[in-house]
Amino acid sequence: MASVKRTNKEIRKERGRGDAKKLASFTDRDIERFAREDESDTRELGEPRYVPPRTDVRALRERLGLSQSEFARRYLLSVRTVQQWEQGQREPSEPARVLLFAIVRNPRAVERVLRSR
């Protein structure tokens, strides 16, 4: 099989080609029906887990009145990661989305927990 070389820009351009609105419109019944129709065995997958929605990192940081470096230091992140999230170069991973969700809900509690080593 031949290798195809693409730039990071080309790879990022193809991300998210799915129709997010259409995917969000599917109910649990729809998903179960799809699984039956393609004879998928989903028992090994276990219970679905909740992944928080994407967070606008820049808006969150600005709401807290923090610079990128202050936000990164306070929540034990790298400044470069915060920059890449804000510039849309990278999406936060699922664990990072959980952290961001917790910061949105109670930033002082998250800071307190991270500082109590």
PDB file of N, CA and C in Angstrom:
ATOM      1  N   MET A   1       0.845  -1.180   0.000  1.00  0.00           N
ATOM      2  CA  MET A   1       0.000   0.000   0.000  1.00  0.00           C
ATOM      3  C   MET A   1       0.885   1.237   0.000  1.00  0.00           C
ATOM      4  N   ALA A   2       0.592   2.164  -0.850  1.00  0.00           N
ATOM      5  CA  ALA A   2       1.376   3.392  -0.969  1.00  0.00           C
ATOM      6  C   ALA A   2       0.999   4.379   0.134  1.00  0.00           C
ATOM      7  N   SER A   3       1.984   5.101   0.596  1.00  0.00           N
ATOM      8  CA  SER A   3       1.745   6.137   1.601  1.00  0.00           C
ATOM      9  C   SER A   3       1.365   7.437   0.897  1.00  0.00           C
ATOM     10  N   VAL A   4       0.452   8.155   1.494  1.00  0.00           N
ATOM     11  CA  VAL A   4       0.062   9.453   0.962  1.00  0.00           C
ATOM     12  C   VAL A   4       0.520  10.500   1.959  1.00  0.00           C
ATOM     13  N   LYS A   5       1.299  11.438   1.504  1.00  0.00           N
ATOM     14  CA  LYS A   5       1.798  12.482   2.398  1.00  0.00           C
ATOM     15  C   LYS A   5       0.922  13.713   2.258  1.00  0.00           C
ATOM     16  N   ARG A   6       0.459  14.184   3.410  1.00  0.00           N
ATOM     17  CA  ARG A   6      -0.365  15.384   3.447  1.00  0.00           C
ATOM     18  C   ARG A   6       0.168  16.311   4.517  1.00  0.00           C
ATOM     19  N   THR A   7      -0.073  17.571   4.339  1.00  0.00           N
ATOM     20  CA  THR A   7       0.349  18.548   5.341  1.00  0.00           C
ATOM     21  C   THR A   7      -0.659  18.550   6.485  1.00  0.00           C
ATOM     22  N   ASN A   8      -0.253  19.098   7.613  1.00  0.00           N
ATOM     23  CA  ASN A   8      -1.177  19.234   8.747  1.00  0.00           C
ATOM     24  C   ASN A   8      -2.386  20.074   8.360  1.00  0.00           C
ATOM     25  N   LYS A   9      -2.159  21.085   7.548  1.00  0.00           N
ATOM     26  CA  LYS A   9      -3.256  21.948   7.109  1.00  0.00           C
ATOM     27  C   LYS A   9      -4.283  21.145   6.319  1.00  0.00           C
ATOM     28  N   GLU A  10      -3.821  20.267   5.447  1.00  0.00           N
ATOM     29  CA  GLU A  10      -4.736  19.428   4.656  1.00  0.00           C
ATOM     30  C   GLU A  10      -5.512  18.474   5.560  1.00  0.00           C
ATOM     31  N   ILE A  11      -4.836  17.924   6.544  1.00  0.00           N
ATOM     32  CA  ILE A  11      -5.486  16.987   7.463  1.00  0.00           C
ATOM     33  C   ILE A  11      -6.553  17.712   8.280  1.00  0.00           C
ATOM     34  N   ARG A  12      -6.209  18.894   8.828  1.00  0.00           N
ATOM     35  CA  ARG A  12      -7.174  19.659   9.634  1.00  0.00           C
ATOM     36  C   ARG A  12      -8.377  20.088   8.811  1.00  0.00           C
ATOM     37  N   LYS A  13      -8.153  20.385   7.527  1.00  0.00           N
ATOM     38  CA  LYS A  13      -9.244  20.832   6.658  1.00  0.00           C
ATOM     39  C   LYS A  13     -10.314  19.751   6.532  1.00  0.00           C
ATOM     40  N   GLU A  14      -9.913  18.492   6.554  1.00  0.00           N
ATOM     41  CA  GLU A  14     -10.857  17.389   6.386  1.00  0.00           C
ATOM     42  C   GLU A  14     -11.563  17.012   7.677  1.00  0.00           C
ATOM     43  N   ARG A  15     -11.101  17.520   8.788  1.00  0.00           N
ATOM     44  CA  ARG A  15     -11.738  17.201  10.069  1.00  0.00           C
ATOM     45  C   ARG A  15     -13.165  17.709  10.102  1.00  0.00           C
ATOM     46  N   GLY A  16     -13.996  16.971  10.784  1.00  0.00           N
ATOM     47  CA  GLY A  16     -15.347  17.431  11.024  1.00  0.00           C
ATOM     48  C   GLY A  16     -16.224  17.476   9.792  1.00  0.00           C
ATOM     49  N   ARG A  17     -16.026  16.542   8.872  1.00  0.00           N
ATOM     50  CA  ARG A  17     -16.842  16.545   7.670  1.00  0.00           C
ATOM     51  C   ARG A  17     -18.253  16.045   7.940  1.00  0.00           C
ATOM     52  N   GLY A  18     -18.470  15.446   9.101  1.00  0.00           N
ATOM     53  CA  GLY A  18     -19.800  14.957   9.445  1.00  0.00           C
ATOM     54  C   GLY A  18     -20.761  16.110   9.691  1.00  0.00           C
ATOM     55  N   ASP A  19     -22.026  15.834   9.568  1.00  0.00           N
ATOM     56  CA  ASP A  19     -23.061  16.842   9.799  1.00  0.00           C
ATOM     57  C   ASP A  19     -23.421  16.817  11.283  1.00  0.00           C
ATOM     58  N   ALA A  20     -22.858  17.736  12.047  1.00  0.00           N
ATOM     59  CA  ALA A  20     -23.034  17.747  13.499  1.00  0.00           C
ATOM     60  C   ALA A  20     -24.501  17.898  13.900  1.00  0.00           C
ATOM     61  N   LYS A  21     -25.255  18.716  13.174  1.00  0.00           N
ATOM     62  CA  LYS A  21     -26.669  18.902  13.511  1.00  0.00           C
ATOM     63  C   LYS A  21     -27.448  17.616  13.302  1.00  0.00           C
ATOM     64  N   LYS A  22     -27.156  16.932  12.214  1.00  0.00           N
ATOM     65  CA  LYS A  22     -27.854  15.682  11.930  1.00  0.00           C
ATOM     66  C   LYS A  22     -27.504  14.636  12.994  1.00  0.00           C
ATOM     67  N   LEU A  23     -26.214  14.543  13.347  1.00  0.00           N
ATOM     68  CA  LEU A  23     -25.799  13.583  14.374  1.00  0.00           C
ATOM     69  C   LEU A  23     -26.469  13.884  15.705  1.00  0.00           C
ATOM     70  N   ALA A  24     -26.551  15.153  16.055  1.00  0.00           N
ATOM     71  CA  ALA A  24     -27.165  15.543  17.331  1.00  0.00           C
ATOM     72  C   ALA A  24     -28.665  15.268  17.351  1.00  0.00           C
ATOM     73  N   SER A  25     -29.272  15.190  16.177  1.00  0.00           N
ATOM     74  CA  SER A  25     -30.717  14.972  16.119  1.00  0.00           C
ATOM     75  C   SER A  25     -31.116  13.515  16.363  1.00  0.00           C
ATOM     76  N   PHE A  26     -30.161  12.584  16.299  1.00  0.00           N
ATOM     77  CA  PHE A  26     -30.487  11.172  16.493  1.00  0.00           C
ATOM     78  C   PHE A  26     -30.809  10.887  17.954  1.00  0.00           C
ATOM     79  N   THR A  27     -31.884  10.146  18.177  1.00  0.00           N
ATOM     80  CA  THR A  27     -32.280   9.757  19.528  1.00  0.00           C
ATOM     81  C   THR A  27     -31.650   8.411  19.864  1.00  0.00           C
ATOM     82  N   ASP A  28     -31.774   8.003  21.128  1.00  0.00           N
ATOM     83  CA  ASP A  28     -31.276   6.686  21.523  1.00  0.00           C
ATOM     84  C   ASP A  28     -31.973   5.584  20.722  1.00  0.00           C
ATOM     85  N   ARG A  29     -33.250   5.778  20.460  1.00  0.00           N
ATOM     86  CA  ARG A  29     -33.996   4.789  19.651  1.00  0.00           C
ATOM     87  C   ARG A  29     -33.415   4.682  18.245  1.00  0.00           C
ATOM     88  N   ASP A  30     -33.086   5.839  17.656  1.00  0.00           N
ATOM     89  CA  ASP A  30     -32.478   5.823  16.314  1.00  0.00           C
ATOM     90  C   ASP A  30     -31.179   5.031  16.334  1.00  0.00           C
ATOM     91  N   ILE A  31     -30.372   5.285  17.323  1.00  0.00           N
ATOM     92  CA  ILE A  31     -29.072   4.620  17.416  1.00  0.00           C
ATOM     93  C   ILE A  31     -29.245   3.120  17.610  1.00  0.00           C
ATOM     94  N   GLU A  32     -30.181   2.730  18.461  1.00  0.00           N
ATOM     95  CA  GLU A  32     -30.462   1.299  18.644  1.00  0.00           C
ATOM     96  C   GLU A  32     -30.940   0.673  17.333  1.00  0.00           C
ATOM     97  N   ARG A  33     -31.781   1.386  16.598  1.00  0.00           N
ATOM     98  CA  ARG A  33     -32.273   0.882  15.308  1.00  0.00           C
ATOM     99  C   ARG A  33     -31.116   0.719  14.319  1.00  0.00           C
ATOM    100  N   PHE A  34     -30.217   1.708  14.282  1.00  0.00           N
ATOM    101  CA  PHE A  34     -29.063   1.616  13.383  1.00  0.00           C
ATOM    102  C   PHE A  34     -28.225   0.381  13.723  1.00  0.00           C
ATOM    103  N   ALA A  35     -28.023   0.141  15.026  1.00  0.00           N
ATOM    104  CA  ALA A  35     -27.233  -1.010  15.454  1.00  0.00           C
ATOM    105  C   ALA A  35     -27.902  -2.320  15.029  1.00  0.00           C
ATOM    106  N   ARG A  36     -29.223  -2.387  15.174  1.00  0.00           N
ATOM    107  CA  ARG A  36     -29.947  -3.600  14.753  1.00  0.00           C
ATOM    108  C   ARG A  36     -29.828  -3.802  13.249  1.00  0.00           C
ATOM    109  N   GLU A  37     -29.986  -2.724  12.506  1.00  0.00           N
ATOM    110  CA  GLU A  37     -29.961  -2.821  11.051  1.00  0.00           C
ATOM    111  C   GLU A  37     -28.610  -3.279  10.520  1.00  0.00           C
ATOM    112  N   ASP A  38     -27.513  -2.842  11.159  1.00  0.00           N
ATOM    113  CA  ASP A  38     -26.212  -3.293  10.662  1.00  0.00           C
ATOM    114  C   ASP A  38     -25.653  -4.452  11.491  1.00  0.00           C
ATOM    115  N   GLU A  39     -26.510  -5.007  12.341  1.00  0.00           N
ATOM    116  CA  GLU A  39     -26.186  -6.176  13.149  1.00  0.00           C
ATOM    117  C   GLU A  39     -24.955  -5.955  14.028  1.00  0.00           C
ATOM    118  N   SER A  40     -24.835  -4.766  14.571  1.00  0.00           N
ATOM    119  CA  SER A  40     -23.728  -4.452  15.477  1.00  0.00           C
ATOM    120  C   SER A  40     -23.984  -5.066  16.839  1.00  0.00           C
ATOM    121  N   ASP A  41     -22.935  -5.611  17.421  1.00  0.00           N
ATOM    122  CA  ASP A  41     -23.026  -6.121  18.788  1.00  0.00           C
ATOM    123  C   ASP A  41     -22.380  -5.080  19.694  1.00  0.00           C
ATOM    124  N   THR A  42     -23.207  -4.298  20.359  1.00  0.00           N
ATOM    125  CA  THR A  42     -22.695  -3.199  21.175  1.00  0.00           C
ATOM    126  C   THR A  42     -22.616  -3.543  22.655  1.00  0.00           C
ATOM    127  N   ARG A  43     -22.882  -4.784  23.025  1.00  0.00           N
ATOM    128  CA  ARG A  43     -22.879  -5.147  24.449  1.00  0.00           C
ATOM    129  C   ARG A  43     -21.527  -4.923  25.106  1.00  0.00           C
ATOM    130  N   GLU A  44     -20.443  -5.134  24.365  1.00  0.00           N
ATOM    131  CA  GLU A  44     -19.109  -4.980  24.948  1.00  0.00           C
ATOM    132  C   GLU A  44     -18.737  -3.516  25.179  1.00  0.00           C
ATOM    133  N   LEU A  45     -19.479  -2.608  24.591  1.00  0.00           N
ATOM    134  CA  LEU A  45     -19.161  -1.196  24.740  1.00  0.00           C
ATOM    135  C   LEU A  45     -19.531  -0.643  26.107  1.00  0.00           C
ATOM    136  N   GLY A  46     -20.459  -1.294  26.793  1.00  0.00           N
ATOM    137  CA  GLY A  46     -20.875  -0.825  28.108  1.00  0.00           C
ATOM    138  C   GLY A  46     -21.816   0.363  28.003  1.00  0.00           C
ATOM    139  N   GLU A  47     -22.078   0.955  29.144  1.00  0.00           N
ATOM    140  CA  GLU A  47     -22.982   2.096  29.203  1.00  0.00           C
ATOM    141  C   GLU A  47     -22.326   3.312  28.538  1.00  0.00           C
ATOM    142  N   PRO A  48     -23.116   4.114  27.854  1.00  0.00           N
ATOM    143  CA  PRO A  48     -22.539   5.334  27.265  1.00  0.00           C
ATOM    144  C   PRO A  48     -22.091   6.278  28.370  1.00  0.00           C
ATOM    145  N   ARG A  49     -21.042   7.026  28.116  1.00  0.00           N
ATOM    146  CA  ARG A  49     -20.568   7.975  29.109  1.00  0.00           C
ATOM    147  C   ARG A  49     -20.790   9.388  28.602  1.00  0.00           C
ATOM    148  N   TYR A  50     -20.939  10.273  29.544  1.00  0.00           N
ATOM    149  CA  TYR A  50     -21.191  11.663  29.213  1.00  0.00           C
ATOM    150  C   TYR A  50     -19.871  12.359  28.945  1.00  0.00           C
ATOM    151  N   VAL A  51     -19.776  12.991  27.798  1.00  0.00           N
ATOM    152  CA  VAL A  51     -18.620  13.830  27.486  1.00  0.00           C
ATOM    153  C   VAL A  51     -19.152  15.247  27.348  1.00  0.00           C
ATOM    154  N   PRO A  52     -18.640  16.159  28.164  1.00  0.00           N
ATOM    155  CA  PRO A  52     -19.146  17.532  28.113  1.00  0.00           C
ATOM    156  C   PRO A  52     -18.986  18.136  26.720  1.00  0.00           C
ATOM    157  N   PRO A  53     -19.851  19.069  26.395  1.00  0.00           N
ATOM    158  CA  PRO A  53     -19.739  19.736  25.093  1.00  0.00           C
ATOM    159  C   PRO A  53     -18.456  20.559  25.020  1.00  0.00           C
ATOM    160  N   ARG A  54     -18.120  20.969  23.827  1.00  0.00           N
ATOM    161  CA  ARG A  54     -16.921  21.798  23.656  1.00  0.00           C
ATOM    162  C   ARG A  54     -17.101  23.109  24.403  1.00  0.00           C
ATOM    163  N   THR A  55     -16.001  23.600  24.932  1.00  0.00           N
ATOM    164  CA  THR A  55     -15.996  24.852  25.674  1.00  0.00           C
ATOM    165  C   THR A  55     -15.241  25.895  24.866  1.00  0.00           C
ATOM    166  N   ASP A  56     -15.760  27.094  24.794  1.00  0.00           N
ATOM    167  CA  ASP A  56     -15.042  28.197  24.171  1.00  0.00           C
ATOM    168  C   ASP A  56     -13.981  28.641  25.174  1.00  0.00           C
ATOM    169  N   VAL A  57     -12.772  28.152  24.962  1.00  0.00           N
ATOM    170  CA  VAL A  57     -11.691  28.372  25.931  1.00  0.00           C
ATOM    171  C   VAL A  57     -11.375  29.854  26.073  1.00  0.00           C
ATOM    172  N   ARG A  58     -11.342  30.560  24.966  1.00  0.00           N
ATOM    173  CA  ARG A  58     -11.032  32.001  25.038  1.00  0.00           C
ATOM    174  C   ARG A  58     -12.096  32.739  25.859  1.00  0.00           C
ATOM    175  N   ALA A  59     -13.360  32.450  25.605  1.00  0.00           N
ATOM    176  CA  ALA A  59     -14.435  33.116  26.349  1.00  0.00           C
ATOM    177  C   ALA A  59     -14.353  32.776  27.838  1.00  0.00           C
ATOM    178  N   LEU A  60     -14.062  31.526  28.157  1.00  0.00           N
ATOM    179  CA  LEU A  60     -13.925  31.108  29.556  1.00  0.00           C
ATOM    180  C   LEU A  60     -12.773  31.857  30.207  1.00  0.00           C
ATOM    181  N   ARG A  61     -11.630  31.872  29.540  1.00  0.00           N
ATOM    182  CA  ARG A  61     -10.441  32.531  30.087  1.00  0.00           C
ATOM    183  C   ARG A  61     -10.698  34.024  30.286  1.00  0.00           C
ATOM    184  N   GLU A  62     -11.325  34.651  29.306  1.00  0.00           N
ATOM    185  CA  GLU A  62     -11.608  36.083  29.418  1.00  0.00           C
ATOM    186  C   GLU A  62     -12.632  36.364  30.514  1.00  0.00           C
ATOM    187  N   ARG A  63     -13.612  35.474  30.656  1.00  0.00           N
ATOM    188  CA  ARG A  63     -14.603  35.639  31.731  1.00  0.00           C
ATOM    189  C   ARG A  63     -13.934  35.600  33.095  1.00  0.00           C
ATOM    190  N   LEU A  64     -12.880  34.788  33.208  1.00  0.00           N
ATOM    191  CA  LEU A  64     -12.143  34.689  34.470  1.00  0.00           C
ATOM    192  C   LEU A  64     -11.125  35.823  34.624  1.00  0.00           C
ATOM    193  N   GLY A  65     -10.942  36.611  33.562  1.00  0.00           N
ATOM    194  CA  GLY A  65     -10.014  37.744  33.616  1.00  0.00           C
ATOM    195  C   GLY A  65      -8.559  37.322  33.650  1.00  0.00           C
ATOM    196  N   LEU A  66      -8.241  36.223  32.952  1.00  0.00           N
ATOM    197  CA  LEU A  66      -6.889  35.685  32.978  1.00  0.00           C
ATOM    198  C   LEU A  66      -6.232  35.768  31.605  1.00  0.00           C
ATOM    199  N   SER A  67      -4.918  35.953  31.604  1.00  0.00           N
ATOM    200  CA  SER A  67      -4.161  35.850  30.360  1.00  0.00           C
ATOM    201  C   SER A  67      -4.003  34.363  30.037  1.00  0.00           C
ATOM    202  N   GLN A  68      -3.516  34.071  28.843  1.00  0.00           N
ATOM    203  CA  GLN A  68      -3.310  32.664  28.486  1.00  0.00           C
ATOM    204  C   GLN A  68      -2.325  31.997  29.450  1.00  0.00           C
ATOM    205  N   SER A  69      -1.251  32.698  29.778  1.00  0.00           N
ATOM    206  CA  SER A  69      -0.251  32.094  30.670  1.00  0.00           C
ATOM    207  C   SER A  69      -0.798  31.924  32.088  1.00  0.00           C
ATOM    208  N   GLU A  70      -1.594  32.874  32.566  1.00  0.00           N
ATOM    209  CA  GLU A  70      -2.197  32.745  33.899  1.00  0.00           C
ATOM    210  C   GLU A  70      -3.189  31.577  33.934  1.00  0.00           C
ATOM    211  N   PHE A  71      -4.016  31.466  32.888  1.00  0.00           N
ATOM    212  CA  PHE A  71      -4.982  30.372  32.807  1.00  0.00           C
ATOM    213  C   PHE A  71      -4.253  29.034  32.788  1.00  0.00           C
ATOM    214  N   ALA A  72      -3.210  28.932  31.967  1.00  0.00           N
ATOM    215  CA  ALA A  72      -2.452  27.687  31.858  1.00  0.00           C
ATOM    216  C   ALA A  72      -1.810  27.327  33.200  1.00  0.00           C
ATOM    217  N   ARG A  73      -1.186  28.297  33.843  1.00  0.00           N
ATOM    218  CA  ARG A  73      -0.517  28.035  35.129  1.00  0.00           C
ATOM    219  C   ARG A  73      -1.527  27.626  36.194  1.00  0.00           C
ATOM    220  N   ARG A  74      -2.640  28.340  36.255  1.00  0.00           N
ATOM    221  CA  ARG A  74      -3.642  28.081  37.285  1.00  0.00           C
ATOM    222  C   ARG A  74      -4.247  26.683  37.173  1.00  0.00           C
ATOM    223  N   TYR A  75      -4.442  26.204  35.923  1.00  0.00           N
ATOM    224  CA  TYR A  75      -5.108  24.917  35.727  1.00  0.00           C
ATOM    225  C   TYR A  75      -4.179  23.823  35.194  1.00  0.00           C
ATOM    226  N   LEU A  76      -2.863  24.049  35.389  1.00  0.00           N
ATOM    227  CA  LEU A  76      -1.828  23.059  35.078  1.00  0.00           C
ATOM    228  C   LEU A  76      -1.859  22.599  33.618  1.00  0.00           C
ATOM    229  N   LEU A  77      -1.977  23.571  32.727  1.00  0.00           N
ATOM    230  CA  LEU A  77      -1.967  23.316  31.295  1.00  0.00           C
ATOM    231  C   LEU A  77      -0.742  23.992  30.694  1.00  0.00           C
ATOM    232  N   SER A  78      -0.368  23.594  29.491  1.00  0.00           N
ATOM    233  CA  SER A  78       0.715  24.312  28.828  1.00  0.00           C
ATOM    234  C   SER A  78       0.128  25.509  28.091  1.00  0.00           C
ATOM    235  N   VAL A  79       0.902  26.579  28.040  1.00  0.00           N
ATOM    236  CA  VAL A  79       0.454  27.786  27.355  1.00  0.00           C
ATOM    237  C   VAL A  79       0.199  27.470  25.884  1.00  0.00           C
ATOM    238  N   ARG A  80       1.053  26.663  25.292  1.00  0.00           N
ATOM    239  CA  ARG A  80       0.908  26.326  23.870  1.00  0.00           C
ATOM    240  C   ARG A  80      -0.416  25.591  23.615  1.00  0.00           C
ATOM    241  N   THR A  81      -0.787  24.709  24.518  1.00  0.00           N
ATOM    242  CA  THR A  81      -2.050  23.988  24.370  1.00  0.00           C
ATOM    243  C   THR A  81      -3.225  24.962  24.398  1.00  0.00           C
ATOM    244  N   VAL A  82      -3.205  25.886  25.343  1.00  0.00           N
ATOM    245  CA  VAL A  82      -4.273  26.888  25.441  1.00  0.00           C
ATOM    246  C   VAL A  82      -4.323  27.706  24.150  1.00  0.00           C
ATOM    247  N   GLN A  83      -3.168  28.107  23.644  1.00  0.00           N
ATOM    248  CA  GLN A  83      -3.118  28.878  22.403  1.00  0.00           C
ATOM    249  C   GLN A  83      -3.716  28.081  21.240  1.00  0.00           C
ATOM    250  N   GLN A  84      -3.344  26.824  21.135  1.00  0.00           N
ATOM    251  CA  GLN A  84      -3.840  25.995  20.036  1.00  0.00           C
ATOM    252  C   GLN A  84      -5.346  25.773  20.133  1.00  0.00           C
ATOM    253  N   TRP A  85      -5.864  25.617  21.330  1.00  0.00           N
ATOM    254  CA  TRP A  85      -7.312  25.484  21.504  1.00  0.00           C
ATOM    255  C   TRP A  85      -8.003  26.760  21.037  1.00  0.00           C
ATOM    256  N   GLU A  86      -7.491  27.886  21.474  1.00  0.00           N
ATOM    257  CA  GLU A  86      -8.128  29.164  21.156  1.00  0.00           C
ATOM    258  C   GLU A  86      -8.048  29.494  19.669  1.00  0.00           C
ATOM    259  N   GLN A  87      -6.991  29.064  19.010  1.00  0.00           N
ATOM    260  CA  GLN A  87      -6.812  29.353  17.590  1.00  0.00           C
ATOM    261  C   GLN A  87      -7.478  28.298  16.704  1.00  0.00           C
ATOM    262  N   GLY A  88      -8.073  27.292  17.322  1.00  0.00           N
ATOM    263  CA  GLY A  88      -8.749  26.252  16.554  1.00  0.00           C
ATOM    264  C   GLY A  88      -7.808  25.275  15.883  1.00  0.00           C
ATOM    265  N   GLN A  89      -6.543  25.277  16.285  1.00  0.00           N
ATOM    266  CA  GLN A  89      -5.582  24.345  15.706  1.00  0.00           C
ATOM    267  C   GLN A  89      -5.734  22.943  16.285  1.00  0.00           C
ATOM    268  N   ARG A  90      -6.219  22.874  17.515  1.00  0.00           N
ATOM    269  CA  ARG A  90      -6.446  21.591  18.186  1.00  0.00           C
ATOM    270  C   ARG A  90      -7.754  21.666  18.952  1.00  0.00           C
ATOM    271  N   GLU A  91      -8.356  20.498  19.118  1.00  0.00           N
ATOM    272  CA  GLU A  91      -9.561  20.384  19.936  1.00  0.00           C
ATOM    273  C   GLU A  91      -9.157  19.755  21.271  1.00  0.00           C
ATOM    274  N   PRO A  92      -9.740  20.196  22.373  1.00  0.00           N
ATOM    275  CA  PRO A  92      -9.436  19.555  23.656  1.00  0.00           C
ATOM    276  C   PRO A  92      -9.851  18.083  23.630  1.00  0.00           C
ATOM    277  N   SER A  93      -9.009  17.231  24.197  1.00  0.00           N
ATOM    278  CA  SER A  93      -9.319  15.802  24.315  1.00  0.00           C
ATOM    279  C   SER A  93     -10.488  15.631  25.276  1.00  0.00           C
ATOM    280  N   GLU A  94     -11.019  14.427  25.370  1.00  0.00           N
ATOM    281  CA  GLU A  94     -12.149  14.197  26.277  1.00  0.00           C
ATOM    282  C   GLU A  94     -11.790  14.533  27.726  1.00  0.00           C
ATOM    283  N   PRO A  95     -10.631  14.076  28.244  1.00  0.00           N
ATOM    284  CA  PRO A  95     -10.292  14.466  29.624  1.00  0.00           C
ATOM    285  C   PRO A  95     -10.147  15.987  29.783  1.00  0.00           C
ATOM    286  N   ALA A  96      -9.592  16.642  28.768  1.00  0.00           N
ATOM    287  CA  ALA A  96      -9.453  18.100  28.843  1.00  0.00           C
ATOM    288  C   ALA A  96     -10.826  18.765  28.826  1.00  0.00           C
ATOM    289  N   ARG A  97     -11.762  18.205  28.063  1.00  0.00           N
ATOM    290  CA  ARG A  97     -13.120  18.757  28.039  1.00  0.00           C
ATOM    291  C   ARG A  97     -13.787  18.616  29.401  1.00  0.00           C
ATOM    292  N   VAL A  98     -13.500  17.536  30.098  1.00  0.00           N
ATOM    293  CA  VAL A  98     -14.041  17.355  31.458  1.00  0.00           C
ATOM    294  C   VAL A  98     -13.453  18.423  32.381  1.00  0.00           C
ATOM    295  N   LEU A  99     -12.143  18.639  32.283  1.00  0.00           N
ATOM    296  CA  LEU A  99     -11.503  19.671  33.104  1.00  0.00           C
ATOM    297  C   LEU A  99     -12.097  21.045  32.795  1.00  0.00           C
ATOM    298  N   LEU A 100     -12.234  21.375  31.525  1.00  0.00           N
ATOM    299  CA  LEU A 100     -12.793  22.671  31.144  1.00  0.00           C
ATOM    300  C   LEU A 100     -14.233  22.822  31.631  1.00  0.00           C
ATOM    301  N   PHE A 101     -15.006  21.743  31.549  1.00  0.00           N
ATOM    302  CA  PHE A 101     -16.389  21.758  32.029  1.00  0.00           C
ATOM    303  C   PHE A 101     -16.414  22.052  33.535  1.00  0.00           C
ATOM    304  N   ALA A 102     -15.499  21.420  34.271  1.00  0.00           N
ATOM    305  CA  ALA A 102     -15.427  21.657  35.716  1.00  0.00           C
ATOM    306  C   ALA A 102     -15.022  23.095  36.009  1.00  0.00           C
ATOM    307  N   ILE A 103     -14.106  23.635  35.220  1.00  0.00           N
ATOM    308  CA  ILE A 103     -13.683  25.023  35.407  1.00  0.00           C
ATOM    309  C   ILE A 103     -14.859  25.961  35.158  1.00  0.00           C
ATOM    310  N   VAL A 104     -15.646  25.684  34.118  1.00  0.00           N
ATOM    311  CA  VAL A 104     -16.824  26.512  33.832  1.00  0.00           C
ATOM    312  C   VAL A 104     -17.762  26.508  35.026  1.00  0.00           C
ATOM    313  N   ARG A 105     -17.986  25.326  35.604  1.00  0.00           N
ATOM    314  CA  ARG A 105     -18.951  25.181  36.696  1.00  0.00           C
ATOM    315  C   ARG A 105     -18.474  25.796  38.007  1.00  0.00           C
ATOM    316  N   ASN A 106     -17.168  25.568  38.343  1.00  0.00           N
ATOM    317  CA  ASN A 106     -16.676  26.064  39.624  1.00  0.00           C
ATOM    318  C   ASN A 106     -15.153  26.234  39.556  1.00  0.00           C
ATOM    319  N   PRO A 107     -14.688  27.338  38.968  1.00  0.00           N
ATOM    320  CA  PRO A 107     -13.251  27.519  38.769  1.00  0.00           C
ATOM    321  C   PRO A 107     -12.441  27.529  40.059  1.00  0.00           C
ATOM    322  N   ARG A 108     -12.993  28.089  41.120  1.00  0.00           N
ATOM    323  CA  ARG A 108     -12.235  28.138  42.380  1.00  0.00           C
ATOM    324  C   ARG A 108     -12.047  26.748  42.977  1.00  0.00           C
ATOM    325  N   ALA A 109     -13.073  25.900  42.876  1.00  0.00           N
ATOM    326  CA  ALA A 109     -12.964  24.540  43.399  1.00  0.00           C
ATOM    327  C   ALA A 109     -11.920  23.755  42.641  1.00  0.00           C
ATOM    328  N   VAL A 110     -11.891  23.906  41.311  1.00  0.00           N
ATOM    329  CA  VAL A 110     -10.896  23.184  40.509  1.00  0.00           C
ATOM    330  C   VAL A 110      -9.499  23.657  40.888  1.00  0.00           C
ATOM    331  N   GLU A 111      -9.332  24.961  41.017  1.00  0.00           N
ATOM    332  CA  GLU A 111      -8.023  25.501  41.388  1.00  0.00           C
ATOM    333  C   GLU A 111      -7.600  24.966  42.770  1.00  0.00           C
ATOM    334  N   ARG A 112      -8.533  24.951  43.709  1.00  0.00           N
ATOM    335  CA  ARG A 112      -8.241  24.474  45.058  1.00  0.00           C
ATOM    336  C   ARG A 112      -7.793  23.013  45.024  1.00  0.00           C
ATOM    337  N   VAL A 113      -8.501  22.190  44.260  1.00  0.00           N
ATOM    338  CA  VAL A 113      -8.160  20.768  44.172  1.00  0.00           C
ATOM    339  C   VAL A 113      -6.788  20.588  43.526  1.00  0.00           C
ATOM    340  N   LEU A 114      -6.502  21.334  42.465  1.00  0.00           N
ATOM    341  CA  LEU A 114      -5.218  21.203  41.783  1.00  0.00           C
ATOM    342  C   LEU A 114      -4.044  21.692  42.638  1.00  0.00           C
ATOM    343  N   ARG A 115      -4.313  22.577  43.538  1.00  0.00           N
ATOM    344  CA  ARG A 115      -3.236  23.121  44.399  1.00  0.00           C
ATOM    345  C   ARG A 115      -3.022  22.294  45.663  1.00  0.00           C
ATOM    346  N   SER A 116      -3.924  21.399  45.975  1.00  0.00           N
ATOM    347  CA  SER A 116      -3.813  20.613  47.228  1.00  0.00           C
ATOM    348  C   SER A 116      -3.063  19.310  46.986  1.00  0.00           C
ATOM    349  N   ARG A 117      -1.828  19.436  46.637  1.00  0.00           N
ATOM    350  CA  ARG A 117      -1.023  18.243  46.323  1.00  0.00           C
ATOM    351  C   ARG A 117      -0.615  17.576  47.560  1.00  0.00           C
TER     352      ARG A 117
END
